[in-house]
């Protein structure tokens, strides 16, 4: 029994991705050692900027959601109080009518 981890056929690759995909991939492999250090110098500040932006959005969203939660809890508490008041009025009305 033969066990192959990589069964790579260039013909299948070209069929799947086409000749442009093959050219782009080969170009990336050739240019990576040349452009890599330059891209790393540019990429790191961009990545840090993206992370900072994400953190800011998260913090602002967290604050907005906390306010929305508080407002919803207030509405629920007011609704429960109104229901309890309404129920108490009904009990008093029934007692007054029967009493």
C-alpha atoms as a PDB file:
ATOM      1  CA  UNK A   1       0.000   0.000   0.000  1.00  0.00           C
ATOM      2  CA  UNK A   2       1.395   3.364  -1.028  1.00  0.00           C
ATOM      3  CA  UNK A   3       0.785   6.437   1.086  1.00  0.00           C
ATOM      4  CA  UNK A   4       1.457   9.766  -0.545  1.00  0.00           C
ATOM      5  CA  UNK A   5       1.095  12.994   1.381  1.00  0.00           C
ATOM      6  CA  UNK A   6       1.576  15.290  -1.573  1.00  0.00           C
ATOM      7  CA  UNK A   7       0.184  14.130  -4.875  1.00  0.00           C
ATOM      8  CA  UNK A   8       0.993  17.273  -6.849  1.00  0.00           C
ATOM      9  CA  UNK A   9       0.363  17.409 -10.563  1.00  0.00           C
ATOM     10  CA  UNK A  10       1.188  20.676 -12.321  1.00  0.00           C
ATOM     11  CA  UNK A  11      -1.493  19.923 -14.911  1.00  0.00           C
ATOM     12  CA  UNK A  12      -4.212  19.840 -12.249  1.00  0.00           C
ATOM     13  CA  UNK A  13      -2.892  23.079 -10.789  1.00  0.00           C
ATOM     14  CA  UNK A  14      -3.021  24.854 -14.143  1.00  0.00           C
ATOM     15  CA  UNK A  15      -6.518  23.480 -14.800  1.00  0.00           C
ATOM     16  CA  UNK A  16      -7.788  24.662 -11.407  1.00  0.00           C
ATOM     17  CA  UNK A  17      -6.188  28.107 -11.300  1.00  0.00           C
ATOM     18  CA  UNK A  18      -5.366  28.720 -14.920  1.00  0.00           C
ATOM     19  CA  UNK A  19      -2.208  30.102 -16.382  1.00  0.00           C
ATOM     20  CA  UNK A  20      -2.650  33.546 -14.725  1.00  0.00           C
ATOM     21  CA  UNK A  21      -2.766  31.889 -11.310  1.00  0.00           C
ATOM     22  CA  UNK A  22       0.405  29.981 -12.078  1.00  0.00           C
ATOM     23  CA  UNK A  23       2.197  33.139 -13.233  1.00  0.00           C
ATOM     24  CA  UNK A  24       1.068  35.119 -10.168  1.00  0.00           C
ATOM     25  CA  UNK A  25       2.151  32.317  -7.842  1.00  0.00           C
ATOM     26  CA  UNK A  26       5.558  32.002  -9.496  1.00  0.00           C
ATOM     27  CA  UNK A  27       6.006  35.768  -9.391  1.00  0.00           C
ATOM     28  CA  UNK A  28       5.146  35.854  -5.698  1.00  0.00           C
ATOM     29  CA  UNK A  29       7.674  33.100  -4.959  1.00  0.00           C
ATOM     30  CA  UNK A  30      10.384  34.919  -6.889  1.00  0.00           C
ATOM     31  CA  UNK A  31       9.671  38.391  -5.465  1.00  0.00           C
ATOM     32  CA  UNK A  32       9.036  37.384  -1.836  1.00  0.00           C
ATOM     33  CA  UNK A  33      12.712  37.421  -0.753  1.00  0.00           C
ATOM     34  CA  UNK A  34      13.233  40.770  -2.466  1.00  0.00           C
ATOM     35  CA  UNK A  35      10.087  42.560  -1.312  1.00  0.00           C
ATOM     36  CA  UNK A  36       9.625  40.744   2.000  1.00  0.00           C
ATOM     37  CA  UNK A  37      11.733  43.004   4.221  1.00  0.00           C
ATOM     38  CA  UNK A  38      10.240  46.141   2.673  1.00  0.00           C
ATOM     39  CA  UNK A  39       6.720  44.823   3.071  1.00  0.00           C
ATOM     40  CA  UNK A  40       7.455  43.894   6.676  1.00  0.00           C
ATOM     41  CA  UNK A  41       8.526  47.465   7.422  1.00  0.00           C
ATOM     42  CA  UNK A  42       5.351  48.832   5.863  1.00  0.00           C
ATOM     43  CA  UNK A  43       3.110  45.994   7.011  1.00  0.00           C
ATOM     44  CA  UNK A  44       3.870  46.206  10.714  1.00  0.00           C
ATOM     45  CA  UNK A  45       2.678  49.813  11.145  1.00  0.00           C
ATOM     46  CA  UNK A  46      -0.397  49.028   9.047  1.00  0.00           C
ATOM     47  CA  UNK A  47      -1.150  45.974  11.172  1.00  0.00           C
ATOM     48  CA  UNK A  48      -0.683  47.969  14.388  1.00  0.00           C
ATOM     49  CA  UNK A  49      -2.961  50.675  13.056  1.00  0.00           C
ATOM     50  CA  UNK A  50      -5.623  48.097  12.206  1.00  0.00           C
ATOM     51  CA  UNK A  51      -5.362  46.558  15.688  1.00  0.00           C
ATOM     52  CA  UNK A  52      -5.627  49.987  17.345  1.00  0.00           C
ATOM     53  CA  UNK A  53      -8.695  50.797  15.265  1.00  0.00           C
ATOM     54  CA  UNK A  54     -10.289  47.493  16.191  1.00  0.00           C
ATOM     55  CA  UNK A  55      -9.629  48.106  19.889  1.00  0.00           C
ATOM     56  CA  UNK A  56     -11.173  51.591  19.674  1.00  0.00           C
ATOM     57  CA  UNK A  57     -14.261  50.267  17.909  1.00  0.00           C
ATOM     58  CA  UNK A  58     -14.562  47.496  20.505  1.00  0.00           C
ATOM     59  CA  UNK A  59     -14.321  49.947  23.412  1.00  0.00           C
ATOM     60  CA  UNK A  60     -16.903  52.305  21.885  1.00  0.00           C
ATOM     61  CA  UNK A  61     -19.224  49.416  21.078  1.00  0.00           C
ATOM     62  CA  UNK A  62     -18.851  48.079  24.607  1.00  0.00           C
ATOM     63  CA  UNK A  63     -19.921  51.464  26.022  1.00  0.00           C
ATOM     64  CA  UNK A  64     -22.896  51.771  23.670  1.00  0.00           C
ATOM     65  CA  UNK A  65     -24.020  48.238  24.470  1.00  0.00           C
ATOM     66  CA  UNK A  66     -23.737  48.905  28.211  1.00  0.00           C
ATOM     67  CA  UNK A  67     -25.953  51.986  27.827  1.00  0.00           C
ATOM     68  CA  UNK A  68     -28.454  50.044  25.715  1.00  0.00           C
ATOM     69  CA  UNK A  69     -28.530  47.253  28.313  1.00  0.00           C
ATOM     70  CA  UNK A  70     -29.151  49.768  31.092  1.00  0.00           C
ATOM     71  CA  UNK A  71     -31.960  51.425  29.134  1.00  0.00           C
ATOM     72  CA  UNK A  72     -33.553  48.038  28.438  1.00  0.00           C
ATOM     73  CA  UNK A  73     -33.310  47.041  32.104  1.00  0.00           C
ATOM     74  CA  UNK A  74     -34.996  50.342  33.051  1.00  0.00           C
ATOM     75  CA  UNK A  75     -37.842  49.646  30.623  1.00  0.00           C
ATOM     76  CA  UNK A  76     -38.279  46.130  32.021  1.00  0.00           C
ATOM     77  CA  UNK A  77     -38.306  47.428  35.611  1.00  0.00           C
ATOM     78  CA  UNK A  78     -40.849  50.142  34.741  1.00  0.00           C
ATOM     79  CA  UNK A  79     -43.037  47.598  32.945  1.00  0.00           C
ATOM     80  CA  UNK A  80     -42.943  45.227  35.923  1.00  0.00           C
ATOM     81  CA  UNK A  81     -43.829  48.086  38.269  1.00  0.00           C
ATOM     82  CA  UNK A  82     -46.767  49.094  36.064  1.00  0.00           C
ATOM     83  CA  UNK A  83     -47.986  45.490  35.910  1.00  0.00           C
ATOM     84  CA  UNK A  84     -47.704  45.143  39.693  1.00  0.00           C
ATOM     85  CA  UNK A  85     -49.590  48.424  40.168  1.00  0.00           C
ATOM     86  CA  UNK A  86     -52.275  47.338  37.731  1.00  0.00           C
ATOM     87  CA  UNK A  87     -52.648  43.989  39.509  1.00  0.00           C
ATOM     88  CA  UNK A  88     -52.910  45.714  42.902  1.00  0.00           C
ATOM     89  CA  UNK A  89     -55.637  48.015  41.542  1.00  0.00           C
ATOM     90  CA  UNK A  90     -57.585  45.029  40.213  1.00  0.00           C
ATOM     91  CA  UNK A  91     -57.353  43.267  43.578  1.00  0.00           C
ATOM     92  CA  UNK A  92     -58.562  46.393  45.394  1.00  0.00           C
ATOM     93  CA  UNK A  93     -61.415  46.818  42.909  1.00  0.00           C
ATOM     94  CA  UNK A  94     -62.541  43.200  43.290  1.00  0.00           C
ATOM     95  CA  UNK A  95     -62.368  43.443  47.098  1.00  0.00           C
ATOM     96  CA  UNK A  96     -64.344  46.685  47.094  1.00  0.00           C
ATOM     97  CA  UNK A  97     -67.026  45.180  44.865  1.00  0.00           C
ATOM     98  CA  UNK A  98     -67.358  41.996  46.918  1.00  0.00           C
ATOM     99  CA  UNK A  99     -66.944  43.583  50.278  1.00  0.00           C
END
